[in-house]
Amino acid sequence: VVVLNPEQINLTGGEPLIRPDFCEILEYLRANYKGAITL
């Protein structure tokens, strides 16, 4: 997805916070993407 270089990436669901690995996914996204992240 980061190859597309979108202006914004939104994490959604369902309820995304229900995943036990949500924090790991979020931190990986932040480390590899410089645009806006929304939840």
Full PDB file with SEQRES, HELIX, SHEET, SSBOND, CRYST1, ORIGX, SCALE, CONECT and MASTER records, all heavy atoms in Angstrom:
SEQRES   1 A   39  VAL VAL VAL LEU ASN PRO GLU GLN ILE ASN LEU THR GLY          
SEQRES   2 A   39  GLY GLU PRO LEU ILE ARG PRO ASP PHE CYS GLU ILE LEU          
SEQRES   3 A   39  GLU TYR LEU ARG ALA ASN TYR LYS GLY ALA ILE THR LEU          
HELIX    1 AA1 VAL A    2  LEU A    4  5                                   3    
HELIX    2 AA2 PRO A   16  ILE A   18  5                                   3    
HELIX    3 AA3 PHE A   22  ASN A   32  1                                  11    
SHEET    1 AA1 2 GLN A   8  ASN A  10  0                                        
SHEET    2 AA1 2 ALA A  36  THR A  38  1                                        
CRYST1    1.000    1.000    1.000  90.00  90.00  90.00 P 1           1          
ORIGX1      1.000000  0.000000  0.000000        0.00000                         
ORIGX2      0.000000  1.000000  0.000000        0.00000                         
ORIGX3      0.000000  0.000000  1.000000        0.00000                         
SCALE1      1.000000  0.000000  0.000000        0.00000                         
SCALE2      0.000000  1.000000  0.000000        0.00000                         
SCALE3      0.000000  0.000000  1.000000        0.00000                         
ATOM      1  N   VAL A   1       0.822  -1.209   0.000  1.00  0.00           N  
ATOM      2  CA  VAL A   1       0.000   0.000   0.000  1.00  0.00           C  
ATOM      3  C   VAL A   1       0.859   1.264   0.000  1.00  0.00           C  
ATOM      4  O   VAL A   1       0.535   2.244  -0.676  1.00  0.00           O  
ATOM      5  CB  VAL A   1      -0.957   0.004   1.211  1.00  0.00           C  
ATOM      6  CG1 VAL A   1      -1.630   1.366   1.371  1.00  0.00           C  
ATOM      7  CG2 VAL A   1      -2.018  -1.073   1.036  1.00  0.00           C  
ATOM      8  N   VAL A   2       1.978   1.248   0.726  1.00  0.00           N  
ATOM      9  CA  VAL A   2       2.811   2.452   0.787  1.00  0.00           C  
ATOM     10  C   VAL A   2       3.435   2.781  -0.564  1.00  0.00           C  
ATOM     11  O   VAL A   2       3.843   3.924  -0.802  1.00  0.00           O  
ATOM     12  CB  VAL A   2       3.906   2.328   1.878  1.00  0.00           C  
ATOM     13  CG1 VAL A   2       3.294   2.210   3.262  1.00  0.00           C  
ATOM     14  CG2 VAL A   2       4.843   1.156   1.595  1.00  0.00           C  
ATOM     15  N   VAL A   3       3.503   1.798  -1.463  1.00  0.00           N  
ATOM     16  CA  VAL A   3       4.001   2.052  -2.817  1.00  0.00           C  
ATOM     17  C   VAL A   3       3.108   3.061  -3.532  1.00  0.00           C  
ATOM     18  O   VAL A   3       3.572   3.867  -4.338  1.00  0.00           O  
ATOM     19  CB  VAL A   3       4.079   0.730  -3.627  1.00  0.00           C  
ATOM     20  CG1 VAL A   3       4.365   1.005  -5.095  1.00  0.00           C  
ATOM     21  CG2 VAL A   3       5.156  -0.188  -3.048  1.00  0.00           C  
ATOM     22  N   LEU A   4       1.809   3.029  -3.219  1.00  0.00           N  
ATOM     23  CA  LEU A   4       0.858   3.958  -3.839  1.00  0.00           C  
ATOM     24  C   LEU A   4       1.025   5.376  -3.311  1.00  0.00           C  
ATOM     25  O   LEU A   4       0.520   6.325  -3.906  1.00  0.00           O  
ATOM     26  CB  LEU A   4      -0.577   3.495  -3.585  1.00  0.00           C  
ATOM     27  CG  LEU A   4      -0.943   2.089  -4.055  1.00  0.00           C  
ATOM     28  CD1 LEU A   4      -2.404   1.811  -3.745  1.00  0.00           C  
ATOM     29  CD2 LEU A   4      -0.664   1.913  -5.537  1.00  0.00           C  
ATOM     30  N   ASN A   5       1.694   5.511  -2.172  1.00  0.00           N  
ATOM     31  CA  ASN A   5       1.925   6.818  -1.559  1.00  0.00           C  
ATOM     32  C   ASN A   5       0.633   7.624  -1.421  1.00  0.00           C  
ATOM     33  O   ASN A   5       0.546   8.780  -1.849  1.00  0.00           O  
ATOM     34  CB  ASN A   5       2.954   7.613  -2.376  1.00  0.00           C  
ATOM     35  CG  ASN A   5       3.445   8.850  -1.632  1.00  0.00           C  
ATOM     36  OD1 ASN A   5       3.452   8.887  -0.409  1.00  0.00           O  
ATOM     37  ND2 ASN A   5       3.828   9.866  -2.372  1.00  0.00           N  
ATOM     38  N   PRO A   6      -0.409   7.034  -0.787  1.00  0.00           N  
ATOM     39  CA  PRO A   6      -1.655   7.795  -0.613  1.00  0.00           C  
ATOM     40  C   PRO A   6      -1.458   8.921   0.392  1.00  0.00           C  
ATOM     41  O   PRO A   6      -0.539   8.881   1.217  1.00  0.00           O  
ATOM     42  CB  PRO A   6      -2.624   6.740  -0.073  1.00  0.00           C  
ATOM     43  CG  PRO A   6      -1.747   5.767   0.647  1.00  0.00           C  
ATOM     44  CD  PRO A   6      -0.469   5.711  -0.145  1.00  0.00           C  
ATOM     45  N   GLU A   7      -2.315   9.907   0.326  1.00  0.00           N  
ATOM     46  CA  GLU A   7      -2.231  11.009   1.272  1.00  0.00           C  
ATOM     47  C   GLU A   7      -2.540  10.541   2.688  1.00  0.00           C  
ATOM     48  O   GLU A   7      -2.001  11.064   3.658  1.00  0.00           O  
ATOM     49  CB  GLU A   7      -3.208  12.121   0.877  1.00  0.00           C  
ATOM     50  CG  GLU A   7      -2.873  12.788  -0.439  1.00  0.00           C  
ATOM     51  CD  GLU A   7      -3.872  13.867  -0.806  1.00  0.00           C  
ATOM     52  OE1 GLU A   7      -4.636  14.309   0.088  1.00  0.00           O  
ATOM     53  OE2 GLU A   7      -3.897  14.277  -1.974  1.00  0.00           O  
ATOM     54  N   GLN A   8      -3.414   9.533   2.795  1.00  0.00           N  
ATOM     55  CA  GLN A   8      -3.849   9.083   4.119  1.00  0.00           C  
ATOM     56  C   GLN A   8      -4.113   7.582   4.104  1.00  0.00           C  
ATOM     57  O   GLN A   8      -4.594   7.032   3.113  1.00  0.00           O  
ATOM     58  CB  GLN A   8      -5.132   9.826   4.519  1.00  0.00           C  
ATOM     59  CG  GLN A   8      -5.709   9.440   5.845  1.00  0.00           C  
ATOM     60  CD  GLN A   8      -7.046  10.095   6.122  1.00  0.00           C  
ATOM     61  OE1 GLN A   8      -7.863   9.602   6.908  1.00  0.00           O  
ATOM     62  NE2 GLN A   8      -7.313  11.230   5.467  1.00  0.00           N  
ATOM     63  N   ILE A   9      -3.784   6.915   5.203  1.00  0.00           N  
ATOM     64  CA  ILE A   9      -4.142   5.518   5.406  1.00  0.00           C  
ATOM     65  C   ILE A   9      -4.987   5.452   6.668  1.00  0.00           C  
ATOM     66  O   ILE A   9      -4.583   5.934   7.725  1.00  0.00           O  
ATOM     67  CB  ILE A   9      -2.910   4.613   5.525  1.00  0.00           C  
ATOM     68  CG1 ILE A   9      -2.149   4.570   4.183  1.00  0.00           C  
ATOM     69  CG2 ILE A   9      -3.316   3.194   5.938  1.00  0.00           C  
ATOM     70  CD1 ILE A   9      -0.883   3.736   4.213  1.00  0.00           C  
ATOM     71  N   ASN A  10      -6.167   4.850   6.534  1.00  0.00           N  
ATOM     72  CA  ASN A  10      -7.094   4.761   7.663  1.00  0.00           C  
ATOM     73  C   ASN A  10      -7.170   3.323   8.152  1.00  0.00           C  
ATOM     74  O   ASN A  10      -7.379   2.396   7.367  1.00  0.00           O  
ATOM     75  CB  ASN A  10      -8.484   5.242   7.245  1.00  0.00           C  
ATOM     76  CG  ASN A  10      -9.515   5.054   8.345  1.00  0.00           C  
ATOM     77  OD1 ASN A  10     -10.230   4.050   8.374  1.00  0.00           O  
ATOM     78  ND2 ASN A  10      -9.585   6.001   9.248  1.00  0.00           N  
ATOM     79  N   LEU A  11      -6.998   3.134   9.454  1.00  0.00           N  
ATOM     80  CA  LEU A  11      -7.136   1.815  10.072  1.00  0.00           C  
ATOM     81  C   LEU A  11      -8.558   1.686  10.597  1.00  0.00           C  
ATOM     82  O   LEU A  11      -8.998   2.465  11.437  1.00  0.00           O  
ATOM     83  CB  LEU A  11      -6.126   1.658  11.204  1.00  0.00           C  
ATOM     84  CG  LEU A  11      -4.652   1.805  10.808  1.00  0.00           C  
ATOM     85  CD1 LEU A  11      -3.751   1.639  12.013  1.00  0.00           C  
ATOM     86  CD2 LEU A  11      -4.269   0.815   9.715  1.00  0.00           C  
ATOM     87  N   THR A  12      -9.272   0.701  10.083  1.00  0.00           N  
ATOM     88  CA  THR A  12     -10.679   0.569  10.421  1.00  0.00           C  
ATOM     89  C   THR A  12     -11.025  -0.893  10.602  1.00  0.00           C  
ATOM     90  O   THR A  12     -10.152  -1.752  10.690  1.00  0.00           O  
ATOM     91  CB  THR A  12     -11.545   1.252   9.338  1.00  0.00           C  
ATOM     92  OG1 THR A  12     -12.914   1.202   9.720  1.00  0.00           O  
ATOM     93  CG2 THR A  12     -11.358   0.613   7.974  1.00  0.00           C  
ATOM     94  N   GLY A  13     -12.306  -1.220  10.651  1.00  0.00           N  
ATOM     95  CA  GLY A  13     -12.736  -2.586  10.847  1.00  0.00           C  
ATOM     96  C   GLY A  13     -14.137  -2.778  10.292  1.00  0.00           C  
ATOM     97  O   GLY A  13     -14.507  -2.138   9.307  1.00  0.00           O  
ATOM     98  N   GLY A  14     -14.931  -3.566  11.046  1.00  0.00           N  
ATOM     99  CA  GLY A  14     -14.912  -3.956  12.438  1.00  0.00           C  
ATOM    100  C   GLY A  14     -14.365  -2.898  13.384  1.00  0.00           C  
ATOM    101  O   GLY A  14     -14.340  -1.726  13.097  1.00  0.00           O  
ATOM    102  N   GLU A  15     -13.933  -3.382  14.527  1.00  0.00           N  
ATOM    103  CA  GLU A  15     -13.277  -2.535  15.514  1.00  0.00           C  
ATOM    104  C   GLU A  15     -11.794  -2.893  15.549  1.00  0.00           C  
ATOM    105  O   GLU A  15     -11.417  -3.947  16.065  1.00  0.00           O  
ATOM    106  CB  GLU A  15     -13.909  -2.730  16.896  1.00  0.00           C  
ATOM    107  CG  GLU A  15     -13.170  -2.036  18.026  1.00  0.00           C  
ATOM    108  CD  GLU A  15     -12.896  -0.567  17.743  1.00  0.00           C  
ATOM    109  OE1 GLU A  15     -13.848   0.171  17.404  1.00  0.00           O  
ATOM    110  OE2 GLU A  15     -11.723  -0.163  17.851  1.00  0.00           O  
ATOM    111  N   PRO A  16     -10.929  -2.040  14.968  1.00  0.00           N  
ATOM    112  CA  PRO A  16      -9.501  -2.377  14.854  1.00  0.00           C  
ATOM    113  C   PRO A  16      -8.805  -2.616  16.195  1.00  0.00           C  
ATOM    114  O   PRO A  16      -7.875  -3.416  16.282  1.00  0.00           O  
ATOM    115  CB  PRO A  16      -8.909  -1.175  14.123  1.00  0.00           C  
ATOM    116  CG  PRO A  16      -9.894  -0.070  14.314  1.00  0.00           C  
ATOM    117  CD  PRO A  16     -11.237  -0.726  14.387  1.00  0.00           C  
ATOM    118  N   LEU A  17      -9.266  -1.943  17.257  1.00  0.00           N  
ATOM    119  CA  LEU A  17      -8.600  -2.083  18.556  1.00  0.00           C  
ATOM    120  C   LEU A  17      -8.828  -3.456  19.184  1.00  0.00           C  
ATOM    121  O   LEU A  17      -8.180  -3.802  20.173  1.00  0.00           O  
ATOM    122  CB  LEU A  17      -9.089  -1.001  19.520  1.00  0.00           C  
ATOM    123  CG  LEU A  17      -8.836   0.454  19.107  1.00  0.00           C  
ATOM    124  CD1 LEU A  17      -9.263   1.396  20.223  1.00  0.00           C  
ATOM    125  CD2 LEU A  17      -7.376   0.677  18.749  1.00  0.00           C  
ATOM    126  N   ILE A  18      -9.713  -4.253  18.596  1.00  0.00           N  
ATOM    127  CA  ILE A  18      -9.998  -5.573  19.140  1.00  0.00           C  
ATOM    128  C   ILE A  18      -8.879  -6.563  18.843  1.00  0.00           C  
ATOM    129  O   ILE A  18      -8.751  -7.597  19.505  1.00  0.00           O  
ATOM    130  CB  ILE A  18     -11.355  -6.093  18.602  1.00  0.00           C  
ATOM    131  CG1 ILE A  18     -12.007  -7.053  19.601  1.00  0.00           C  
ATOM    132  CG2 ILE A  18     -11.195  -6.763  17.243  1.00  0.00           C  
ATOM    133  CD1 ILE A  18     -13.461  -7.398  19.264  1.00  0.00           C  
ATOM    134  N   ARG A  19      -8.041  -6.230  17.854  1.00  0.00           N  
ATOM    135  CA  ARG A  19      -6.919  -7.110  17.510  1.00  0.00           C  
ATOM    136  C   ARG A  19      -5.824  -6.998  18.568  1.00  0.00           C  
ATOM    137  O   ARG A  19      -5.372  -5.888  18.886  1.00  0.00           O  
ATOM    138  CB  ARG A  19      -6.327  -6.732  16.148  1.00  0.00           C  
ATOM    139  CG  ARG A  19      -7.172  -7.114  14.951  1.00  0.00           C  
ATOM    140  CD  ARG A  19      -6.377  -6.902  13.662  1.00  0.00           C  
ATOM    141  NE  ARG A  19      -5.261  -7.816  13.557  1.00  0.00           N  
ATOM    142  CZ  ARG A  19      -5.135  -8.793  12.665  1.00  0.00           C  
ATOM    143  NH1 ARG A  19      -6.108  -8.991  11.795  1.00  0.00           N  
ATOM    144  NH2 ARG A  19      -4.069  -9.559  12.634  1.00  0.00           N  
ATOM    145  N   PRO A  20      -5.322  -8.119  19.078  1.00  0.00           N  
ATOM    146  CA  PRO A  20      -4.239  -8.062  20.065  1.00  0.00           C  
ATOM    147  C   PRO A  20      -2.930  -7.525  19.495  1.00  0.00           C  
ATOM    148  O   PRO A  20      -2.085  -7.034  20.238  1.00  0.00           O  
ATOM    149  CB  PRO A  20      -4.097  -9.522  20.518  1.00  0.00           C  
ATOM    150  CG  PRO A  20      -4.714 -10.331  19.431  1.00  0.00           C  
ATOM    151  CD  PRO A  20      -5.803  -9.495  18.859  1.00  0.00           C  
ATOM    152  N   ASP A  21      -2.773  -7.597  18.163  1.00  0.00           N  
ATOM    153  CA  ASP A  21      -1.545  -7.107  17.518  1.00  0.00           C  
ATOM    154  C   ASP A  21      -1.732  -5.726  16.903  1.00  0.00           C  
ATOM    155  O   ASP A  21      -0.920  -5.294  16.073  1.00  0.00           O  
ATOM    156  CB  ASP A  21      -1.074  -8.083  16.445  1.00  0.00           C  
ATOM    157  CG  ASP A  21      -2.122  -8.314  15.345  1.00  0.00           C  
ATOM    158  OD1 ASP A  21      -3.260  -7.812  15.485  1.00  0.00           O  
ATOM    159  OD2 ASP A  21      -1.813  -9.013  14.364  1.00  0.00           O  
ATOM    160  N   PHE A  22      -2.796  -5.013  17.294  1.00  0.00           N  
ATOM    161  CA  PHE A  22      -3.060  -3.698  16.706  1.00  0.00           C  
ATOM    162  C   PHE A  22      -1.866  -2.766  16.843  1.00  0.00           C  
ATOM    163  O   PHE A  22      -1.485  -2.082  15.881  1.00  0.00           O  
ATOM    164  CB  PHE A  22      -4.292  -3.046  17.346  1.00  0.00           C  
ATOM    165  CG  PHE A  22      -4.474  -1.605  16.953  1.00  0.00           C  
ATOM    166  CD1 PHE A  22      -5.009  -1.280  15.721  1.00  0.00           C  
ATOM    167  CD2 PHE A  22      -4.066  -0.570  17.796  1.00  0.00           C  
ATOM    168  CE1 PHE A  22      -5.144   0.051  15.334  1.00  0.00           C  
ATOM    169  CE2 PHE A  22      -4.200   0.758  17.422  1.00  0.00           C  
ATOM    170  CZ  PHE A  22      -4.743   1.071  16.188  1.00  0.00           C  
ATOM    171  N   CYS A  23      -1.260  -2.705  18.017  1.00  0.00           N  
ATOM    172  CA  CYS A  23      -0.147  -1.782  18.256  1.00  0.00           C  
ATOM    173  C   CYS A  23       1.041  -2.114  17.367  1.00  0.00           C  
ATOM    174  O   CYS A  23       1.697  -1.211  16.834  1.00  0.00           O  
ATOM    175  CB  CYS A  23       0.265  -1.810  19.726  1.00  0.00           C  
ATOM    176  SG  CYS A  23      -0.989  -1.130  20.833  1.00  0.00           S  
ATOM    177  N   GLU A  24       1.318  -3.400  17.183  1.00  0.00           N  
ATOM    178  CA  GLU A  24       2.438  -3.804  16.332  1.00  0.00           C  
ATOM    179  C   GLU A  24       2.189  -3.408  14.880  1.00  0.00           C  
ATOM    180  O   GLU A  24       3.093  -2.923  14.189  1.00  0.00           O  
ATOM    181  CB  GLU A  24       2.663  -5.313  16.431  1.00  0.00           C  
ATOM    182  CG  GLU A  24       3.888  -5.799  15.656  1.00  0.00           C  
ATOM    183  CD  GLU A  24       4.177  -7.276  15.833  1.00  0.00           C  
ATOM    184  OE1 GLU A  24       3.537  -7.904  16.705  1.00  0.00           O  
ATOM    185  OE2 GLU A  24       5.036  -7.802  15.107  1.00  0.00           O  
ATOM    186  N   ILE A  25       0.965  -3.600  14.405  1.00  0.00           N  
ATOM    187  CA  ILE A  25       0.615  -3.216  13.035  1.00  0.00           C  
ATOM    188  C   ILE A  25       0.727  -1.706  12.863  1.00  0.00           C  
ATOM    189  O   ILE A  25       1.279  -1.217  11.870  1.00  0.00           O  
ATOM    190  CB  ILE A  25      -0.805  -3.702  12.691  1.00  0.00           C  
ATOM    191  CG1 ILE A  25      -0.837  -5.237  12.622  1.00  0.00           C  
ATOM    192  CG2 ILE A  25      -1.274  -3.101  11.356  1.00  0.00           C  
ATOM    193  CD1 ILE A  25      -2.234  -5.810  12.458  1.00  0.00           C  
ATOM    194  N   LEU A  26       0.204  -0.958  13.818  1.00  0.00           N  
ATOM    195  CA  LEU A  26       0.248   0.502  13.756  1.00  0.00           C  
ATOM    196  C   LEU A  26       1.683   1.012  13.740  1.00  0.00           C  
ATOM    197  O   LEU A  26       2.032   1.884  12.924  1.00  0.00           O  
ATOM    198  CB  LEU A  26      -0.506   1.099  14.943  1.00  0.00           C  
ATOM    199  CG  LEU A  26      -0.385   2.619  15.138  1.00  0.00           C  
ATOM    200  CD1 LEU A  26      -0.880   3.376  13.910  1.00  0.00           C  
ATOM    201  CD2 LEU A  26      -1.148   3.058  16.385  1.00  0.00           C  
ATOM    202  N   GLU A  27       2.519   0.493  14.608  1.00  0.00           N  
ATOM    203  CA  GLU A  27       3.910   0.956  14.683  1.00  0.00           C  
ATOM    204  C   GLU A  27       4.683   0.591  13.417  1.00  0.00           C  
ATOM    205  O   GLU A  27       5.540   1.356  12.960  1.00  0.00           O  
ATOM    206  CB  GLU A  27       4.584   0.371  15.919  1.00  0.00           C  
ATOM    207  CG  GLU A  27       4.052   0.976  17.217  1.00  0.00           C  
ATOM    208  CD  GLU A  27       4.644   0.355  18.460  1.00  0.00           C  
ATOM    209  OE1 GLU A  27       4.959  -0.854  18.429  1.00  0.00           O  
ATOM    210  OE2 GLU A  27       4.805   1.066  19.471  1.00  0.00           O  
ATOM    211  N   TYR A  28       4.364  -0.559  12.819  1.00  0.00           N  
ATOM    212  CA  TYR A  28       5.014  -0.934  11.552  1.00  0.00           C  
ATOM    213  C   TYR A  28       4.602   0.024  10.438  1.00  0.00           C  
ATOM    214  O   TYR A  28       5.436   0.457   9.630  1.00  0.00           O  
ATOM    215  CB  TYR A  28       4.635  -2.367  11.175  1.00  0.00           C  
ATOM    216  CG  TYR A  28       5.343  -2.856   9.927  1.00  0.00           C  
ATOM    217  CD1 TYR A  28       6.637  -3.374   9.991  1.00  0.00           C  
ATOM    218  CD2 TYR A  28       4.734  -2.790   8.676  1.00  0.00           C  
ATOM    219  CE1 TYR A  28       7.297  -3.815   8.845  1.00  0.00           C  
ATOM    220  CE2 TYR A  28       5.380  -3.220   7.532  1.00  0.00           C  
ATOM    221  CZ  TYR A  28       6.668  -3.738   7.623  1.00  0.00           C  
ATOM    222  OH  TYR A  28       7.316  -4.157   6.484  1.00  0.00           O  
ATOM    223  N   LEU A  29       3.313   0.361  10.407  1.00  0.00           N  
ATOM    224  CA  LEU A  29       2.829   1.311   9.403  1.00  0.00           C  
ATOM    225  C   LEU A  29       3.518   2.659   9.559  1.00  0.00           C  
ATOM    226  O   LEU A  29       3.983   3.251   8.581  1.00  0.00           O  
ATOM    227  CB  LEU A  29       1.313   1.470   9.522  1.00  0.00           C  
ATOM    228  CG  LEU A  29       0.658   2.536   8.638  1.00  0.00           C  
ATOM    229  CD1 LEU A  29       0.911   2.241   7.164  1.00  0.00           C  
ATOM    230  CD2 LEU A  29      -0.835   2.621   8.925  1.00  0.00           C  
ATOM    231  N   ARG A  30       3.591   3.152  10.794  1.00  0.00           N  
ATOM    232  CA  ARG A  30       4.213   4.457  11.040  1.00  0.00           C  
ATOM    233  C   ARG A  30       5.686   4.469  10.633  1.00  0.00           C  
ATOM    234  O   ARG A  30       6.184   5.473  10.103  1.00  0.00           O  
ATOM    235  CB  ARG A  30       4.077   4.818  12.517  1.00  0.00           C  
ATOM    236  CG  ARG A  30       4.677   6.160  12.917  1.00  0.00           C  
ATOM    237  CD  ARG A  30       3.808   7.343  12.499  1.00  0.00           C  
ATOM    238  NE  ARG A  30       3.801   7.623  11.075  1.00  0.00           N  
ATOM    239  CZ  ARG A  30       2.949   8.466  10.501  1.00  0.00           C  
ATOM    240  NH1 ARG A  30       2.032   9.090  11.212  1.00  0.00           N  
ATOM    241  NH2 ARG A  30       3.000   8.670   9.201  1.00  0.00           N  
ATOM    242  N   ALA A  31       6.378   3.368  10.846  1.00  0.00           N  
ATOM    243  CA  ALA A  31       7.803   3.298  10.519  1.00  0.00           C  
ATOM    244  C   ALA A  31       8.047   3.285   9.016  1.00  0.00           C  
ATOM    245  O   ALA A  31       9.132   3.652   8.550  1.00  0.00           O  
ATOM    246  CB  ALA A  31       8.425   2.060  11.165  1.00  0.00           C  
ATOM    247  N   ASN A  32       7.033   2.885   8.227  1.00  0.00           N  
ATOM    248  CA  ASN A  32       7.228   2.731   6.787  1.00  0.00           C  
ATOM    249  C   ASN A  32       6.405   3.693   5.942  1.00  0.00           C  
ATOM    250  O   ASN A  32       6.442   3.620   4.707  1.00  0.00           O  
ATOM    251  CB  ASN A  32       6.888   1.290   6.379  1.00  0.00           C  
ATOM    252  CG  ASN A  32       7.864   0.279   6.926  1.00  0.00           C  
ATOM    253  OD1 ASN A  32       8.916   0.037   6.325  1.00  0.00           O  
ATOM    254  ND2 ASN A  32       7.542  -0.306   8.071  1.00  0.00           N  
ATOM    255  N   TYR A  33       5.686   4.599   6.577  1.00  0.00           N  
ATOM    256  CA  TYR A  33       4.799   5.499   5.840  1.00  0.00           C  
ATOM    257  C   TYR A  33       4.849   6.879   6.472  1.00  0.00           C  
ATOM    258  O   TYR A  33       4.707   7.021   7.695  1.00  0.00           O  
ATOM    259  CB  TYR A  33       3.377   4.929   5.868  1.00  0.00           C  
ATOM    260  CG  TYR A  33       2.306   5.836   5.325  1.00  0.00           C  
ATOM    261  CD1 TYR A  33       2.280   6.193   3.978  1.00  0.00           C  
ATOM    262  CD2 TYR A  33       1.298   6.323   6.159  1.00  0.00           C  
ATOM    263  CE1 TYR A  33       1.279   7.023   3.480  1.00  0.00           C  
ATOM    264  CE2 TYR A  33       0.304   7.140   5.675  1.00  0.00           C  
ATOM    265  CZ  TYR A  33       0.297   7.487   4.334  1.00  0.00           C  
ATOM    266  OH  TYR A  33      -0.687   8.311   3.844  1.00  0.00           O  
ATOM    267  N   LYS A  34       5.058   7.902   5.644  1.00  0.00           N  
ATOM    268  CA  LYS A  34       5.234   9.267   6.145  1.00  0.00           C  
ATOM    269  C   LYS A  34       3.963  10.119   6.059  1.00  0.00           C  
ATOM    270  O   LYS A  34       3.940  11.248   6.541  1.00  0.00           O  
ATOM    271  CB  LYS A  34       6.367   9.962   5.377  1.00  0.00           C  
ATOM    272  CG  LYS A  34       7.695   9.222   5.418  1.00  0.00           C  
ATOM    273  CD  LYS A  34       8.165   8.957   6.839  1.00  0.00           C  
ATOM    274  CE  LYS A  34       9.495   8.200   6.851  1.00  0.00           C  
ATOM    275  NZ  LYS A  34       9.894   7.840   8.238  1.00  0.00           N  
ATOM    276  N   GLY A  35       2.919   9.584   5.430  1.00  0.00           N  
ATOM    277  CA  GLY A  35       1.688  10.353   5.301  1.00  0.00           C  
ATOM    278  C   GLY A  35       0.853  10.316   6.566  1.00  0.00           C  
ATOM    279  O   GLY A  35       1.293   9.880   7.630  1.00  0.00           O  
ATOM    280  N   ALA A  36      -0.397  10.765   6.447  1.00  0.00           N  
ATOM    281  CA  ALA A  36      -1.295  10.835   7.598  1.00  0.00           C  
ATOM    282  C   ALA A  36      -1.896   9.461   7.899  1.00  0.00           C  
ATOM    283  O   ALA A  36      -2.372   8.767   6.994  1.00  0.00           O  
ATOM    284  CB  ALA A  36      -2.407  11.840   7.340  1.00  0.00           C  
ATOM    285  N   ILE A  37      -1.865   9.071   9.163  1.00  0.00           N  
ATOM    286  CA  ILE A  37      -2.500   7.840   9.624  1.00  0.00           C  
ATOM    287  C   ILE A  37      -3.705   8.222  10.478  1.00  0.00           C  
ATOM    288  O   ILE A  37      -3.581   9.004  11.422  1.00  0.00           O  
ATOM    289  CB  ILE A  37      -1.536   6.971  10.449  1.00  0.00           C  
ATOM    290  CG1 ILE A  37      -0.346   6.528   9.579  1.00  0.00           C  
ATOM    291  CG2 ILE A  37      -2.258   5.747  11.003  1.00  0.00           C  
ATOM    292  CD1 ILE A  37       0.707   5.749  10.348  1.00  0.00           C  
ATOM    293  N   THR A  38      -4.860   7.676  10.141  1.00  0.00           N  
ATOM    294  CA  THR A  38      -6.063   7.944  10.924  1.00  0.00           C  
ATOM    295  C   THR A  38      -6.643   6.626  11.426  1.00  0.00           C  
ATOM    296  O   THR A  38      -6.402   5.563  10.852  1.00  0.00           O  
ATOM    297  CB  THR A  38      -7.116   8.713  10.110  1.00  0.00           C  
ATOM    298  OG1 THR A  38      -7.392   7.986   8.892  1.00  0.00           O  
ATOM    299  CG2 THR A  38      -6.620  10.103   9.766  1.00  0.00           C  
ATOM    300  N   LEU A  39      -7.415   6.723  12.472  1.00  0.00           N  
ATOM    301  CA  LEU A  39      -8.006   5.546  13.110  1.00  0.00           C  
ATOM    302  C   LEU A  39      -9.502   5.736  13.246  1.00  0.00           C  
ATOM    303  O   LEU A  39      -9.965   6.778  13.714  1.00  0.00           O  
ATOM    304  CB  LEU A  39      -7.380   5.342  14.497  1.00  0.00           C  
ATOM    305  CG  LEU A  39      -8.043   4.328  15.432  1.00  0.00           C  
ATOM    306  CD1 LEU A  39      -7.898   2.912  14.877  1.00  0.00           C  
ATOM    307  CD2 LEU A  39      -7.453   4.425  16.833  1.00  0.00           C  
TER     308      LEU A  39                                                      
MASTER        0    0    0    3    2    0    0    6  307    1    0    3          
END                                                                             
